[in-house]
Every structure is written in C-alpha cells, then in structure tokens.
Amino acid sequence: MAKLAALTQRTTPGVDDEVYATNAGDSVDYTVTRDVFLTNTPTAITTAGGAGTAIDANARWITVTSGGNNEILTLPAAVVGRVIKGYTADIFELRTLAASNDLINGVNADGAETTNEAAIPAASYFECTAVTTAAWLVTLLDSGGDVVTAPVPG
C-alpha cells in the first residue's frame, strides 16, 4: 500500500471542501462534504407584484420575516444537490427564477410566466432541495415537527 506524499485542502466559503492527496507526483481528488450554515437572518421579502426577494445562492439556512401571504421569496438557480433550509414565523410565497421554467414539487413556479407560487405556512420549517437543474423538491414540518403536506404551487 502506497503512502501519501502530501495532503492539501482548499476551502471556498459556501462550497464543499476540496482535499487533494498526492502520491509520488500523481494526483487523486477527494471531496469531503460538511454542513456549512451561512445565515441570512432575517431575509427581507418584498410585497406582492414585485419579483420577490432572491435567496442568496450560497445560503444554506435562512430565517424568513414576512409581512403576509402575498410576499415572495425566490429560489436561486437549481443546481443538483443544492439544499436550502429555513424557518418562518410568518406565511410567505415561494417562487423559482423568472423565465426559468423551474418546478417546485412538479409545478412551474416562476414569477414571470405564471402566478403559481408555493405557499409556505407560518411557524414552519422548510427544506428546498434541487433534484435536477430545473426542479426543486420542497418539504415542510410544522412547529411540532410533524410533516405537513408538501406545498404545490397554484
């Protein structure tokens, strides 16, 4: 069994660590994943009729403050495996990027071409996972930790 000659690590904020091991000049790539919580607290939300407030693409956790059910948050571009978790004390609406044709739980939810938005209820924990480059799976838990029916934009 060969011994490692060197081990180096590069870290980019909001991105998984990259660890490179070398053995006698040969390079072998490894990816070490870890949870990175970049908190945007609170996230401001614009009023109805606007494009909503964009969730930062590097966000892993957000706490949402909303003025009501007509206020909007917009997911970033879907990158497979991207996960954004959060909590909201207030109801709000969730969209995908305008003109993206991206889906939330199987329904087109971009603000430019449709008024379909996923209603996220007050006092809930939510998790948004990009399952393809054009689709988000959104799941919810209530404040007691019980699973809530997945929001379907409409």
Protein backbone atom coordinates (compact mmCIF):
# COMPACT_ATOMS: atom_id res chain seq x y z
CA MET A 1 0.00 0.00 0.00
CA ALA A 2 1.43 3.38 -1.04
CA LYS A 3 1.78 6.21 1.46
CA LEU A 4 0.53 9.72 0.75
CA ALA A 5 3.28 12.19 -0.06
CA ALA A 6 1.14 15.27 0.67
CA LEU A 7 -2.37 16.31 1.60
CA THR A 8 -3.70 19.79 0.97
CA GLN A 9 -7.09 21.35 1.49
CA ARG A 10 -8.76 24.28 -0.26
CA THR A 11 -11.84 25.84 1.23
CA THR A 12 -14.18 28.21 -0.54
CA PRO A 13 -16.95 29.76 1.59
CA GLY A 14 -20.28 28.11 0.89
CA VAL A 15 -18.72 25.29 -1.14
CA ASP A 16 -17.70 21.82 -0.08
CA ASP A 17 -14.08 21.46 0.96
CA GLU A 18 -11.76 20.07 -1.68
CA VAL A 19 -8.99 17.81 -0.45
CA TYR A 20 -6.20 16.77 -2.79
CA ALA A 21 -3.85 13.91 -2.00
CA THR A 22 -0.69 13.29 -3.95
CA ASN A 23 1.46 10.19 -4.09
CA ALA A 24 4.79 10.42 -5.82
CA GLY A 25 3.55 13.18 -8.10
CA ASP A 26 0.22 11.56 -9.00
CA SER A 27 -2.92 13.46 -8.05
CA VAL A 28 -6.02 11.87 -6.60
CA ASP A 29 -9.09 14.02 -5.95
CA TYR A 30 -11.33 13.59 -2.94
CA THR A 31 -14.36 15.63 -1.93
CA VAL A 32 -15.16 16.00 1.74
CA THR A 33 -18.60 17.37 2.39
CA ARG A 34 -19.60 19.19 5.54
CA ASP A 35 -22.54 21.30 6.60
CA VAL A 36 -21.92 24.99 6.10
CA PHE A 37 -24.52 27.29 7.56
CA LEU A 38 -24.35 30.71 6.00
CA THR A 39 -27.18 32.51 7.70
CA ASN A 40 -29.17 35.32 6.17
CA THR A 41 -31.15 36.45 9.20
CA PRO A 42 -33.69 37.80 8.66
CA THR A 43 -34.48 37.61 4.97
CA ALA A 44 -36.45 40.63 3.81
CA ILE A 45 -39.35 39.94 1.48
CA THR A 46 -40.82 42.39 -0.98
CA THR A 47 -44.53 42.96 -1.39
CA ALA A 48 -46.89 41.40 -3.92
CA GLY A 49 -46.46 42.46 -7.52
CA GLY A 50 -42.69 42.53 -7.35
CA ALA A 51 -40.18 39.86 -8.25
CA GLY A 52 -39.78 38.98 -4.60
CA THR A 53 -36.52 38.75 -2.72
CA ALA A 54 -33.91 36.41 -4.14
CA ILE A 55 -32.44 33.83 -1.80
CA ASP A 56 -28.66 34.05 -1.97
CA ALA A 57 -27.25 31.11 -3.94
CA ASN A 58 -24.76 30.43 -1.12
CA ALA A 59 -27.40 30.34 1.61
CA ARG A 60 -27.78 27.06 3.46
CA TRP A 61 -30.07 28.35 6.24
CA ILE A 62 -32.44 31.32 6.21
CA THR A 63 -34.85 32.78 8.72
CA VAL A 64 -37.77 34.42 6.95
CA THR A 65 -39.59 37.54 8.07
CA SER A 66 -42.68 38.30 6.03
CA GLY A 67 -45.45 40.86 6.10
CA GLY A 68 -48.07 38.41 4.83
CA ASN A 69 -49.18 35.79 2.35
CA ASN A 70 -48.63 37.99 -0.72
CA GLU A 71 -44.92 38.46 -0.05
CA ILE A 72 -42.44 36.45 -2.06
CA LEU A 73 -39.07 34.70 -1.81
CA THR A 74 -37.39 33.44 -4.99
CA LEU A 75 -35.17 30.36 -5.07
CA PRO A 76 -31.79 30.63 -6.82
CA ALA A 77 -30.94 28.64 -9.94
CA ALA A 78 -31.38 24.92 -9.35
CA VAL A 79 -28.05 23.11 -9.04
CA VAL A 80 -28.44 19.39 -8.36
CA GLY A 81 -27.89 18.72 -4.68
CA ARG A 82 -28.25 22.32 -3.51
CA VAL A 83 -30.20 22.36 -0.24
CA ILE A 84 -31.64 25.45 1.42
CA LYS A 85 -33.26 25.06 4.81
CA GLY A 86 -35.10 27.61 6.86
CA TYR A 87 -37.73 28.63 9.36
CA THR A 88 -40.52 31.15 9.12
CA ALA A 89 -42.78 32.54 11.80
CA ASP A 90 -44.87 34.16 9.03
CA ILE A 91 -46.65 32.90 5.93
CA PHE A 92 -44.99 33.69 2.58
CA GLU A 93 -44.93 32.55 -1.06
CA LEU A 94 -42.02 30.73 -2.73
CA ARG A 95 -41.15 31.02 -6.44
CA THR A 96 -38.42 29.99 -8.84
CA LEU A 97 -36.45 32.43 -11.00
CA ALA A 98 -38.43 34.39 -13.60
CA ALA A 99 -38.48 32.76 -17.06
CA SER A 100 -36.62 29.71 -15.73
CA ASN A 101 -39.49 27.22 -16.15
CA ASP A 102 -38.13 25.60 -12.97
CA LEU A 103 -40.55 23.49 -10.97
CA ILE A 104 -41.47 23.36 -7.31
CA ASN A 105 -42.90 19.95 -6.48
CA GLY A 106 -43.71 19.30 -10.14
CA VAL A 107 -45.35 22.65 -10.98
CA ASN A 108 -43.87 25.60 -12.90
CA ALA A 109 -43.44 28.31 -10.30
CA ASP A 110 -41.53 31.13 -11.94
CA GLY A 111 -42.80 34.62 -11.43
CA ALA A 112 -42.57 35.91 -14.99
CA GLU A 113 -44.78 33.40 -16.75
CA THR A 114 -47.11 32.20 -14.05
CA THR A 115 -48.68 33.27 -10.83
CA ASN A 116 -48.03 29.82 -9.38
CA GLU A 117 -46.28 30.11 -6.04
CA ALA A 118 -45.87 27.63 -3.21
CA ALA A 119 -47.50 28.89 -0.01
CA ILE A 120 -45.24 28.31 2.98
CA PRO A 121 -47.33 28.40 6.17
CA ALA A 122 -46.44 30.34 9.31
CA ALA A 123 -44.47 28.60 12.05
CA SER A 124 -42.90 26.07 9.74
CA TYR A 125 -39.51 24.60 8.93
CA PHE A 126 -38.89 24.15 5.20
CA GLU A 127 -36.31 22.38 3.10
CA CYS A 128 -35.75 23.08 -0.60
CA THR A 129 -33.64 20.53 -2.49
CA ALA A 130 -32.65 20.90 -6.14
CA VAL A 131 -33.26 17.42 -7.56
CA THR A 132 -32.47 18.38 -11.17
CA THR A 133 -31.20 21.53 -12.86
CA ALA A 134 -34.83 22.56 -13.34
CA ALA A 135 -36.69 21.19 -10.33
CA TRP A 136 -36.92 21.80 -6.59
CA LEU A 137 -38.46 19.44 -4.04
CA VAL A 138 -39.89 21.42 -1.12
CA THR A 139 -40.84 19.73 2.14
CA LEU A 140 -42.33 21.19 5.32
CA LEU A 141 -42.52 20.45 9.02
CA ASP A 142 -44.80 22.31 11.42
CA SER A 143 -43.56 23.79 14.71
CA GLY A 144 -44.26 20.47 16.44
CA GLY A 145 -42.05 18.56 13.98
CA ASP A 146 -44.94 16.94 12.12
CA VAL A 147 -44.75 16.56 8.35
CA VAL A 148 -47.01 19.00 6.52
CA THR A 149 -48.48 18.22 3.10
CA ALA A 150 -45.94 19.35 0.52
CA PRO A 151 -46.79 22.76 -0.95
CA VAL A 152 -47.95 22.62 -4.56
CA PRO A 153 -47.77 25.93 -6.40
CA GLY A 154 -51.11 27.17 -7.54
